[in-house]
Amino acid sequence: MKTKKVTIPARDTNGFLIGFKEINVLWECPTCGGEMGNPQLMQYTEDGFFGQIHTWENPCGHIAHYKNLQIVGDAE
């Protein structure tokens, strides 16, 4: 089981951005189970929050939304 630590937007129950969080995720496509692409940090700005989040392109062509990532363990 391959995992990666990525930074994603943190949202409240209404979907509003409240910051950023690091999570450990199972590094496989939620659609087909193939390995996902190499994560790259990119600048992100929304509603006055400025930070960096990870994005990637999957070799299989599927889009893995942050909400569909399978979290494993705690990020340090």
C-alpha atoms as a PDB file:
ATOM      1  CA  MET A   1       0.000   0.000   0.000  1.00  0.00           C
ATOM      2  CA  LYS A   2       1.622   3.252  -1.164  1.00  0.00           C
ATOM      3  CA  THR A   3       0.733   6.488   0.628  1.00  0.00           C
ATOM      4  CA  LYS A   4       1.688  10.134   0.138  1.00  0.00           C
ATOM      5  CA  LYS A   5       1.388  13.251   2.273  1.00  0.00           C
ATOM      6  CA  VAL A   6      -0.388  16.068   0.426  1.00  0.00           C
ATOM      7  CA  THR A   7      -1.704  19.512   1.327  1.00  0.00           C
ATOM      8  CA  ILE A   8      -5.306  20.244   0.383  1.00  0.00           C
ATOM      9  CA  PRO A   9      -7.843  23.005   1.081  1.00  0.00           C
ATOM     10  CA  ALA A  10      -9.661  22.632   4.432  1.00  0.00           C
ATOM     11  CA  ARG A  11     -13.372  23.435   4.242  1.00  0.00           C
ATOM     12  CA  ASP A  12     -16.158  23.811   6.784  1.00  0.00           C
ATOM     13  CA  THR A  13     -19.486  21.969   6.596  1.00  0.00           C
ATOM     14  CA  ASN A  14     -20.852  24.637   4.230  1.00  0.00           C
ATOM     15  CA  GLY A  15     -17.945  24.227   1.797  1.00  0.00           C
ATOM     16  CA  PHE A  16     -16.207  27.511   2.674  1.00  0.00           C
ATOM     17  CA  LEU A  17     -12.405  27.535   2.780  1.00  0.00           C
ATOM     18  CA  ILE A  18     -11.080  27.765   6.355  1.00  0.00           C
ATOM     19  CA  GLY A  19      -7.397  27.061   5.683  1.00  0.00           C
ATOM     20  CA  PHE A  20      -5.181  24.239   4.497  1.00  0.00           C
ATOM     21  CA  LYS A  21      -4.401  20.795   5.893  1.00  0.00           C
ATOM     22  CA  GLU A  22      -1.848  18.041   5.353  1.00  0.00           C
ATOM     23  CA  ILE A  23      -3.207  14.524   5.030  1.00  0.00           C
ATOM     24  CA  ASN A  24      -1.754  11.084   4.321  1.00  0.00           C
ATOM     25  CA  VAL A  25      -3.660   9.389   1.526  1.00  0.00           C
ATOM     26  CA  LEU A  26      -3.689   6.040  -0.223  1.00  0.00           C
ATOM     27  CA  TRP A  27      -1.948   6.860  -3.504  1.00  0.00           C
ATOM     28  CA  GLU A  28      -4.234   5.110  -5.944  1.00  0.00           C
ATOM     29  CA  CYS A  29      -6.920   6.390  -8.277  1.00  0.00           C
ATOM     30  CA  PRO A  30     -10.353   6.228  -6.587  1.00  0.00           C
ATOM     31  CA  THR A  31     -11.910   5.295  -9.954  1.00  0.00           C
ATOM     32  CA  CYS A  32      -9.669   2.508 -11.304  1.00  0.00           C
ATOM     33  CA  GLY A  33      -7.155   1.746  -8.534  1.00  0.00           C
ATOM     34  CA  GLY A  34      -4.110   2.713 -10.644  1.00  0.00           C
ATOM     35  CA  GLU A  35      -1.220   4.688  -9.183  1.00  0.00           C
ATOM     36  CA  MET A  36      -1.717   8.451  -9.245  1.00  0.00           C
ATOM     37  CA  GLY A  37       0.681  11.000 -10.722  1.00  0.00           C
ATOM     38  CA  ASN A  38       3.466  12.875  -8.952  1.00  0.00           C
ATOM     39  CA  PRO A  39       2.055  15.646  -6.686  1.00  0.00           C
ATOM     40  CA  GLN A  40       3.265  19.197  -7.348  1.00  0.00           C
ATOM     41  CA  LEU A  41       2.776  22.235  -5.110  1.00  0.00           C
ATOM     42  CA  MET A  42       0.932  25.167  -6.637  1.00  0.00           C
ATOM     43  CA  GLN A  43      -0.088  28.573  -5.301  1.00  0.00           C
ATOM     44  CA  TYR A  44      -3.740  28.743  -4.272  1.00  0.00           C
ATOM     45  CA  THR A  45      -5.855  31.769  -3.391  1.00  0.00           C
ATOM     46  CA  GLU A  46      -9.508  31.845  -2.373  1.00  0.00           C
ATOM     47  CA  ASP A  47     -11.509  34.319  -0.273  1.00  0.00           C
ATOM     48  CA  GLY A  48      -8.424  35.989   1.220  1.00  0.00           C
ATOM     49  CA  PHE A  49      -6.604  32.726   2.014  1.00  0.00           C
ATOM     50  CA  PHE A  50      -3.200  32.330   0.388  1.00  0.00           C
ATOM     51  CA  GLY A  51      -1.230  29.092   0.471  1.00  0.00           C
ATOM     52  CA  GLN A  52       0.020  26.103  -1.440  1.00  0.00           C
ATOM     53  CA  ILE A  53      -1.823  22.905  -2.289  1.00  0.00           C
ATOM     54  CA  HIS A  54      -0.830  19.763  -4.140  1.00  0.00           C
ATOM     55  CA  THR A  55      -2.186  18.925  -7.580  1.00  0.00           C
ATOM     56  CA  TRP A  56      -1.365  16.023  -9.914  1.00  0.00           C
ATOM     57  CA  GLU A  57      -2.359  14.396 -13.168  1.00  0.00           C
ATOM     58  CA  ASN A  58      -3.152  10.703 -13.138  1.00  0.00           C
ATOM     59  CA  PRO A  59      -1.591   8.525 -15.868  1.00  0.00           C
ATOM     60  CA  CYS A  60      -4.963   6.772 -16.206  1.00  0.00           C
ATOM     61  CA  GLY A  61      -6.646  10.079 -17.096  1.00  0.00           C
ATOM     62  CA  HIS A  62      -9.172  10.005 -14.221  1.00  0.00           C
ATOM     63  CA  ILE A  63      -9.613  13.069 -12.002  1.00  0.00           C
ATOM     64  CA  ALA A  64      -9.229  12.348  -8.283  1.00  0.00           C
ATOM     65  CA  HIS A  65     -11.154  14.997  -6.352  1.00  0.00           C
ATOM     66  CA  TYR A  66      -9.840  15.847  -2.879  1.00  0.00           C
ATOM     67  CA  LYS A  67     -13.131  14.687  -1.333  1.00  0.00           C
ATOM     68  CA  ASN A  68     -12.610  11.216  -2.860  1.00  0.00           C
ATOM     69  CA  LEU A  69      -9.106  10.635  -1.490  1.00  0.00           C
ATOM     70  CA  GLN A  70      -8.815   7.820   1.030  1.00  0.00           C
ATOM     71  CA  ILE A  71      -7.129   9.187   4.174  1.00  0.00           C
ATOM     72  CA  VAL A  72      -4.807   6.791   6.025  1.00  0.00           C
ATOM     73  CA  GLY A  73      -3.317   7.597   9.431  1.00  0.00           C
ATOM     74  CA  ASP A  74      -2.406  11.080  10.634  1.00  0.00           C
ATOM     75  CA  ALA A  75      -0.204  13.609   8.859  1.00  0.00           C
ATOM     76  CA  GLU A  76       2.710  14.876  10.940  1.00  0.00           C
END
